């Protein structure tokens, strides 16, 4: 089990620590609903230092990224980030990730914690153009400072005008007294805020600075459990649940990050799938009655026939109803069509809805 730089800080805050993707991580502090509400209404800070970071450099850095990623990274300019995925050769997804363009020959790839080794091997295997790759995952920590008050609460820690930073842009600057911090206007909650990348040696100093600066704004530490309910309310895919090696970006609703203006791994098969239409689709649903849908529950039709499976589900703290994502045949992915979620012995009716669940 790997430890993150702030493990002892979280233990001192009485965090519930659990094994997650090979790391000892804080899953909750005061409870999911309270933490969820803090992020929706004020500002919360997540330690997500288990995420992986790869630095890709050299004159062929972009060529490698273009080959392994579905989105068009040539559209990036310095200081801009992009959400993308790495398709495999069988129509599925190796991982979803964010690309940061530092300059024309220097990119940071931020990957999921559970996929660090797999992603490294995949990118290395396809690095036929001799781009230089470094795995920085064990050297860096990452905090997500999220919520409508994030910019105001953190402004005292940096000279950058945080309120003017556009979504999916970043700057490298001093933050909480630490130099060369990546301040990124990204996040997985739908409530705005920033993700802060820094060396492990600066972790305690930055954590203390963040908590002090946010004190008057109601800042609280937030665990991974609330991160999951927050992302699900936005309908953001979670690797291992909603997307994996067997799900295509087209059926997962990620056609918008799959650009056929360039060649990439398996692009011809995915282009054909987009043109012909996928056989199944990832849908969003809300339960019409009380109940909590969970990952792995069957989705059935009105006759009780299994038509699909729930990939993510929860009781939405913001909406106070059961919500979820799941795959069903594309022909049945229609807002007019009712589906039913098999919860124990009862099939609970559910309405297909457009994302996000939470409108803010």
Protein backbone atom coordinates (compact mmCIF):
# COMPACT_ATOMS: atom_id res chain seq x y z
CA UNK A 1 0.00 0.00 0.00
CA UNK A 2 1.46 3.35 -1.07
CA UNK A 3 1.17 6.36 1.22
CA UNK A 4 0.48 9.89 -0.03
CA UNK A 5 2.46 12.84 1.36
CA UNK A 6 -0.42 14.04 3.58
CA UNK A 7 -1.44 10.72 5.14
CA UNK A 8 -0.61 11.81 8.70
CA UNK A 9 -2.50 15.10 8.21
CA UNK A 10 -5.64 13.19 7.18
CA UNK A 11 -5.32 10.78 10.10
CA UNK A 12 -5.04 13.76 12.48
CA UNK A 13 -8.33 15.03 11.01
CA UNK A 14 -9.94 11.66 11.82
CA UNK A 15 -10.40 10.80 8.16
CA UNK A 16 -11.68 7.34 7.36
CA UNK A 17 -8.75 5.89 5.39
CA UNK A 18 -9.33 3.08 2.88
CA UNK A 19 -7.22 1.26 0.28
CA UNK A 20 -7.95 2.78 -3.13
CA UNK A 21 -6.04 1.94 -6.34
CA UNK A 22 -3.09 0.75 -4.25
CA UNK A 23 -2.99 3.89 -2.09
CA UNK A 24 -4.14 4.61 1.45
CA UNK A 25 -6.70 7.37 0.81
CA UNK A 26 -9.19 9.49 2.83
CA UNK A 27 -12.70 8.38 1.84
CA UNK A 28 -14.62 10.62 4.27
CA UNK A 29 -14.27 12.94 7.26
CA UNK A 30 -17.68 14.02 8.58
CA UNK A 31 -19.89 12.10 6.17
CA UNK A 32 -20.67 12.08 2.46
CA UNK A 33 -23.77 14.28 2.46
CA UNK A 34 -22.25 17.05 4.59
CA UNK A 35 -19.05 17.05 2.54
CA UNK A 36 -21.02 17.03 -0.73
CA UNK A 37 -23.03 20.08 0.41
CA UNK A 38 -19.84 21.93 1.41
CA UNK A 39 -18.56 21.66 -2.16
CA UNK A 40 -21.88 22.61 -3.77
CA UNK A 41 -22.37 25.67 -1.54
CA UNK A 42 -18.93 26.83 -0.36
CA UNK A 43 -15.49 25.27 -0.84
CA UNK A 44 -13.89 21.92 -0.07
CA UNK A 45 -10.44 20.43 -0.58
CA UNK A 46 -9.80 16.88 -1.81
CA UNK A 47 -6.44 15.15 -1.67
CA UNK A 48 -6.20 13.27 -4.96
CA UNK A 49 -2.45 12.72 -4.88
CA UNK A 50 -2.93 9.12 -6.00
CA UNK A 51 -3.46 10.32 -9.59
CA UNK A 52 -0.63 9.64 -12.05
CA UNK A 53 1.46 12.26 -13.87
CA UNK A 54 3.58 11.58 -16.96
CA UNK A 55 5.77 14.25 -18.55
CA UNK A 56 6.11 13.88 -22.32
CA UNK A 57 8.83 16.02 -23.91
CA UNK A 58 10.83 16.48 -27.09
CA UNK A 59 10.12 17.35 -30.70
CA UNK A 60 7.96 14.24 -31.11
CA UNK A 61 5.95 14.68 -27.90
CA UNK A 62 2.84 15.85 -29.74
CA UNK A 63 3.13 13.06 -32.34
CA UNK A 64 3.05 10.43 -29.59
CA UNK A 65 0.09 12.06 -27.85
CA UNK A 66 -1.82 12.33 -31.14
CA UNK A 67 -1.23 8.63 -31.80
CA UNK A 68 -2.42 7.30 -28.43
CA UNK A 69 -5.18 9.84 -27.64
CA UNK A 70 -8.59 10.29 -29.27
CA UNK A 71 -8.91 14.07 -28.92
CA UNK A 72 -6.96 16.49 -31.14
CA UNK A 73 -4.09 17.78 -28.99
CA UNK A 74 -2.82 19.93 -31.88
CA UNK A 75 -5.59 22.38 -30.94
CA UNK A 76 -3.90 23.04 -27.59
CA UNK A 77 -1.92 26.21 -26.91
CA UNK A 78 0.43 26.88 -23.99
CA UNK A 79 -1.54 27.04 -20.74
CA UNK A 80 -4.51 25.05 -22.06
CA UNK A 81 -5.70 21.62 -20.92
CA UNK A 82 -7.79 19.01 -22.74
CA UNK A 83 -9.88 16.02 -21.69
CA UNK A 84 -9.25 12.93 -23.81
CA UNK A 85 -9.06 9.14 -23.74
CA UNK A 86 -6.70 6.46 -25.00
CA UNK A 87 -8.53 3.91 -27.15
CA UNK A 88 -7.32 0.32 -27.24
CA UNK A 89 -7.22 -1.85 -30.36
CA UNK A 90 -10.46 -3.72 -29.52
CA UNK A 91 -12.84 -0.76 -29.41
CA UNK A 92 -12.48 -0.07 -25.67
CA UNK A 93 -10.67 2.52 -23.57
CA UNK A 94 -7.26 2.12 -21.90
CA UNK A 95 -7.91 5.21 -19.74
CA UNK A 96 -9.36 8.71 -19.74
CA UNK A 97 -6.97 11.53 -18.92
CA UNK A 98 -6.18 15.24 -19.07
CA UNK A 99 -3.41 16.67 -21.24
CA UNK A 100 -1.69 19.92 -20.22
CA UNK A 101 0.35 21.76 -22.84
CA UNK A 102 3.24 23.50 -21.04
CA UNK A 103 4.90 24.35 -24.35
CA UNK A 104 5.18 22.94 -27.90
CA UNK A 105 7.60 20.22 -26.74
CA UNK A 106 6.40 19.66 -23.17
CA UNK A 107 3.11 18.08 -22.07
CA UNK A 108 1.83 16.73 -18.77
CA UNK A 109 -0.57 13.76 -18.89
CA UNK A 110 -2.67 13.19 -15.78
CA UNK A 111 -4.01 9.62 -15.59
CA UNK A 112 -6.12 7.56 -13.21
CA UNK A 113 -4.39 6.09 -10.16
CA UNK A 114 -5.53 2.53 -10.85
CA UNK A 115 -4.10 2.70 -14.38
CA UNK A 116 -0.65 4.24 -13.84
CA UNK A 117 1.37 1.11 -14.67
CA UNK A 118 -0.96 0.01 -17.48
CA UNK A 119 -0.95 3.49 -19.07
CA UNK A 120 2.81 3.78 -18.80
CA UNK A 121 3.27 0.44 -20.55
CA UNK A 122 0.70 1.32 -23.23
CA UNK A 123 2.24 4.71 -24.05
CA UNK A 124 5.78 3.29 -23.96
CA UNK A 125 4.77 0.43 -26.27
CA UNK A 126 3.50 2.92 -28.88
CA UNK A 127 6.37 5.39 -28.51
CA UNK A 128 7.94 4.48 -31.86
CA UNK A 129 8.91 8.11 -32.44
CA UNK A 130 11.27 8.30 -29.43
CA UNK A 131 9.48 10.99 -27.47
CA UNK A 132 10.88 11.30 -23.94
CA UNK A 133 8.53 10.12 -21.16
CA UNK A 134 9.00 10.48 -17.41
CA UNK A 135 6.74 9.10 -14.70
CA UNK A 136 6.42 11.83 -12.05
CA UNK A 137 3.57 10.13 -10.15
CA UNK A 138 5.55 9.43 -6.97
CA UNK A 139 7.07 12.93 -6.87
CA UNK A 140 3.92 15.02 -7.05
CA UNK A 141 0.88 15.68 -4.88
CA UNK A 142 -2.46 16.99 -6.11
CA UNK A 143 -5.24 18.88 -4.33
CA UNK A 144 -8.64 19.66 -5.84
CA UNK A 145 -10.03 22.85 -4.29
CA UNK A 146 -13.64 22.86 -5.43
CA UNK A 147 -16.78 24.92 -4.93
CA UNK A 148 -18.32 28.30 -5.82
CA UNK A 149 -16.14 30.12 -3.27
CA UNK A 150 -12.86 28.48 -4.36
CA UNK A 151 -11.46 31.44 -6.34
CA UNK A 152 -12.25 33.99 -3.65
CA UNK A 153 -11.01 31.74 -0.84
CA UNK A 154 -7.67 30.95 -2.52
CA UNK A 155 -6.89 34.39 -3.99
CA UNK A 156 -4.67 35.43 -1.07
CA UNK A 157 -2.29 32.53 -1.84
CA UNK A 158 -1.22 33.61 -5.34
CA UNK A 159 -0.67 36.64 -7.59
CA UNK A 160 -2.69 35.05 -10.42
CA UNK A 161 -6.22 36.43 -10.80
CA UNK A 162 -8.07 33.19 -10.07
CA UNK A 163 -11.53 34.57 -10.84
CA UNK A 164 -10.43 35.35 -14.42
CA UNK A 165 -9.03 31.89 -15.19
CA UNK A 166 -11.11 30.15 -17.84
CA UNK A 167 -12.20 26.50 -17.52
CA UNK A 168 -9.48 24.09 -18.68
CA UNK A 169 -6.67 26.63 -18.54
CA UNK A 170 -3.69 26.57 -16.16
CA UNK A 171 -0.72 28.62 -15.02
CA UNK A 172 2.56 27.73 -13.33
CA UNK A 173 3.10 30.14 -10.45
CA UNK A 174 3.81 30.60 -6.75
CA UNK A 175 1.04 29.31 -4.50
CA UNK A 176 0.94 29.32 -0.70
CA UNK A 177 4.65 30.21 -0.69
CA UNK A 178 5.66 27.27 -2.91
CA UNK A 179 7.18 27.88 -6.32
CA UNK A 180 6.39 26.18 -9.66
CA UNK A 181 2.89 25.06 -8.70
CA UNK A 182 0.51 24.17 -11.52
CA UNK A 183 -2.78 25.97 -10.84
CA UNK A 184 -5.40 24.43 -13.09
CA UNK A 185 -9.01 25.58 -13.55
CA UNK A 186 -10.26 22.01 -13.76
CA UNK A 187 -12.15 19.64 -11.51
CA UNK A 188 -14.59 16.75 -11.38
CA UNK A 189 -17.40 18.25 -9.30
CA UNK A 190 -19.29 20.66 -11.53
CA UNK A 191 -19.08 23.39 -8.90
CA UNK A 192 -15.98 25.16 -10.22
CA UNK A 193 -12.57 25.50 -8.61
CA UNK A 194 -8.99 24.44 -9.17
CA UNK A 195 -6.61 21.50 -9.14
CA UNK A 196 -3.17 22.25 -7.71
CA UNK A 197 -0.08 20.16 -8.63
CA UNK A 198 3.09 20.46 -6.54
CA UNK A 199 6.13 18.57 -5.27
CA UNK A 200 5.56 16.27 -2.28
CA UNK A 201 8.00 18.33 -0.19
CA UNK A 202 5.59 21.30 -0.38
CA UNK A 203 2.50 19.29 0.56
CA UNK A 204 2.16 20.18 4.26
CA UNK A 205 2.93 23.86 3.68
CA UNK A 206 0.35 24.09 0.87
CA UNK A 207 -2.31 22.13 2.78
CA UNK A 208 -1.94 24.40 5.80
CA UNK A 209 -2.01 27.49 3.58
CA UNK A 210 -5.16 26.31 1.81
CA UNK A 211 -7.00 25.51 5.05
CA UNK A 212 -6.00 28.85 6.61
CA UNK A 213 -6.95 30.88 3.51
CA UNK A 214 -10.30 29.13 3.25
CA UNK A 215 -11.17 29.33 6.95
CA UNK A 216 -13.50 32.34 6.59
CA UNK A 217 -15.19 30.73 3.60
CA UNK A 218 -16.16 27.51 5.37
CA UNK A 219 -13.52 25.29 3.78
CA UNK A 220 -13.49 21.65 4.84
CA UNK A 221 -11.54 18.54 3.81
CA UNK A 222 -13.55 16.30 1.49
CA UNK A 223 -13.10 12.57 0.91
CA UNK A 224 -13.30 10.37 -2.18
CA UNK A 225 -16.86 9.23 -1.36
CA UNK A 226 -18.24 12.75 -1.87
CA UNK A 227 -16.08 13.14 -4.97
CA UNK A 228 -18.00 10.20 -6.41
CA UNK A 229 -21.47 11.61 -5.63
CA UNK A 230 -20.46 15.04 -6.97
CA UNK A 231 -19.11 13.67 -10.27
CA UNK A 232 -22.12 11.41 -10.72
CA UNK A 233 -24.54 14.34 -10.35
CA UNK A 234 -22.72 15.87 -13.34
CA UNK A 235 -22.78 12.59 -15.28
CA UNK A 236 -18.97 12.46 -15.55
CA UNK A 237 -17.71 9.00 -16.46
CA UNK A 238 -15.62 7.15 -13.90
CA UNK A 239 -12.99 4.74 -15.22
CA UNK A 240 -13.65 1.21 -13.99
CA UNK A 241 -17.38 1.92 -13.68
CA UNK A 242 -18.79 3.67 -16.75
CA UNK A 243 -15.82 3.25 -19.08
CA UNK A 244 -13.20 0.51 -19.30
CA UNK A 245 -11.37 -1.77 -21.71
CA UNK A 246 -14.70 -3.06 -23.08
CA UNK A 247 -16.60 0.23 -23.58
CA UNK A 248 -16.07 2.43 -26.61
CA UNK A 249 -15.93 6.23 -26.37
CA UNK A 250 -18.81 6.38 -28.88
CA UNK A 251 -21.24 4.30 -26.79
CA UNK A 252 -20.09 6.08 -23.60
CA UNK A 253 -21.15 9.45 -25.03
CA UNK A 254 -17.55 10.58 -25.48
CA UNK A 255 -17.79 11.17 -29.22
CA UNK A 256 -17.01 14.83 -28.47
CA UNK A 257 -13.45 13.88 -27.44
CA UNK A 258 -13.03 11.48 -30.38
CA UNK A 259 -11.76 13.50 -33.35
CA UNK A 260 -11.45 11.83 -36.74
CA UNK A 261 -9.50 14.73 -38.24
CA UNK A 262 -6.33 12.74 -37.43
CA UNK A 263 -5.10 9.17 -37.14
CA UNK A 264 -5.00 7.48 -33.76
CA UNK A 265 -5.07 3.93 -32.44
CA UNK A 266 -8.22 2.13 -33.68
CA UNK A 267 -9.63 5.32 -35.25
CA UNK A 268 -11.01 3.50 -38.31
CA UNK A 269 -13.13 1.09 -36.28
CA UNK A 270 -14.36 3.88 -34.02
CA UNK A 271 -15.20 6.07 -37.02
CA UNK A 272 -17.25 3.23 -38.49
CA UNK A 273 -19.03 2.76 -35.16
CA UNK A 274 -19.86 6.47 -35.04
CA UNK A 275 -21.19 6.45 -38.60
CA UNK A 276 -23.28 3.30 -38.15
CA UNK A 277 -24.27 4.05 -34.57
CA UNK A 278 -23.26 2.01 -31.51
CA UNK A 279 -25.21 -1.09 -30.51
CA UNK A 280 -25.60 0.14 -26.94
CA UNK A 281 -25.48 3.51 -25.22
CA UNK A 282 -24.69 4.86 -21.78
CA UNK A 283 -27.88 6.45 -20.43
CA UNK A 284 -28.62 8.62 -17.41
CA UNK A 285 -31.68 7.80 -15.31
CA UNK A 286 -33.56 9.04 -12.25
CA UNK A 287 -35.68 6.68 -10.16
CA UNK A 288 -39.40 7.55 -10.13
CA UNK A 289 -39.78 6.01 -6.66
CA UNK A 290 -37.59 5.77 -3.56
CA UNK A 291 -34.58 3.50 -3.91
CA UNK A 292 -30.84 3.53 -4.39
CA UNK A 293 -29.43 2.14 -7.64
CA UNK A 294 -25.99 0.57 -7.28
CA UNK A 295 -23.25 -0.49 -9.67
CA UNK A 296 -23.98 -3.96 -11.04
CA UNK A 297 -27.77 -3.82 -10.62
CA UNK A 298 -29.73 -5.08 -13.63
CA UNK A 299 -31.66 -2.70 -15.85
CA UNK A 300 -34.84 -4.44 -17.04
CA UNK A 301 -37.78 -3.66 -19.32
CA UNK A 302 -41.45 -3.58 -18.32
CA UNK A 303 -41.60 -7.37 -18.65
CA UNK A 304 -38.64 -7.91 -16.34
CA UNK A 305 -36.27 -8.90 -19.14
CA UNK A 306 -32.67 -7.82 -18.48
CA UNK A 307 -31.64 -5.18 -21.03
CA UNK A 308 -28.57 -3.68 -19.38
CA UNK A 309 -26.61 -2.92 -16.26
CA UNK A 310 -26.09 0.02 -13.88
CA UNK A 311 -22.48 1.24 -14.03
CA UNK A 312 -22.77 4.02 -11.42
CA UNK A 313 -25.56 4.82 -9.01
CA UNK A 314 -26.27 6.65 -5.78
CA UNK A 315 -28.80 8.63 -3.78
CA UNK A 316 -28.14 12.17 -5.03
CA UNK A 317 -27.55 14.46 -2.02
CA UNK A 318 -28.50 17.54 -4.07
CA UNK A 319 -31.66 16.11 -5.67
CA UNK A 320 -32.69 13.67 -2.92
CA UNK A 321 -33.47 10.93 -5.42
CA UNK A 322 -31.81 7.84 -6.82
CA UNK A 323 -29.74 8.56 -9.93
CA UNK A 324 -27.46 6.47 -12.09
CA UNK A 325 -25.75 5.65 -15.37
CA UNK A 326 -25.93 2.40 -17.26
CA UNK A 327 -25.72 0.72 -20.64
CA UNK A 328 -28.78 -0.41 -22.58
CA UNK A 329 -29.42 -1.19 -26.29
CA UNK A 330 -29.13 1.98 -28.39
CA UNK A 331 -32.66 1.46 -29.77
CA UNK A 332 -34.06 1.81 -26.24
CA UNK A 333 -31.96 4.88 -25.33
CA UNK A 334 -34.80 7.34 -25.62
CA UNK A 335 -36.17 9.85 -23.11
CA UNK A 336 -39.71 8.59 -23.83
CA UNK A 337 -38.77 5.01 -22.95
CA UNK A 338 -39.12 3.89 -19.34
CA UNK A 339 -36.55 1.55 -17.86
CA UNK A 340 -36.66 -0.33 -14.57
CA UNK A 341 -33.88 -0.90 -12.05
CA UNK A 342 -33.94 -4.27 -10.33
CA UNK A 343 -33.35 -3.49 -6.64
CA UNK A 344 -33.52 -6.75 -4.75
CA UNK A 345 -36.92 -8.27 -5.68
CA UNK A 346 -38.52 -5.08 -6.94
CA UNK A 347 -38.20 -3.45 -10.37
CA UNK A 348 -38.24 0.32 -9.70
CA UNK A 349 -39.39 2.48 -12.64
CA UNK A 350 -36.89 5.07 -13.84
CA UNK A 351 -36.95 7.95 -16.32
CA UNK A 352 -34.15 8.50 -18.83
CA UNK A 353 -32.87 12.06 -18.48
CA UNK A 354 -30.36 14.41 -20.09
CA UNK A 355 -27.14 15.20 -18.26
CA UNK A 356 -26.18 16.77 -15.98
CA UNK A 357 -28.53 15.60 -13.23
CA UNK A 358 -27.54 18.62 -11.14
CA UNK A 359 -28.11 21.93 -12.89
CA UNK A 360 -26.54 24.19 -10.21
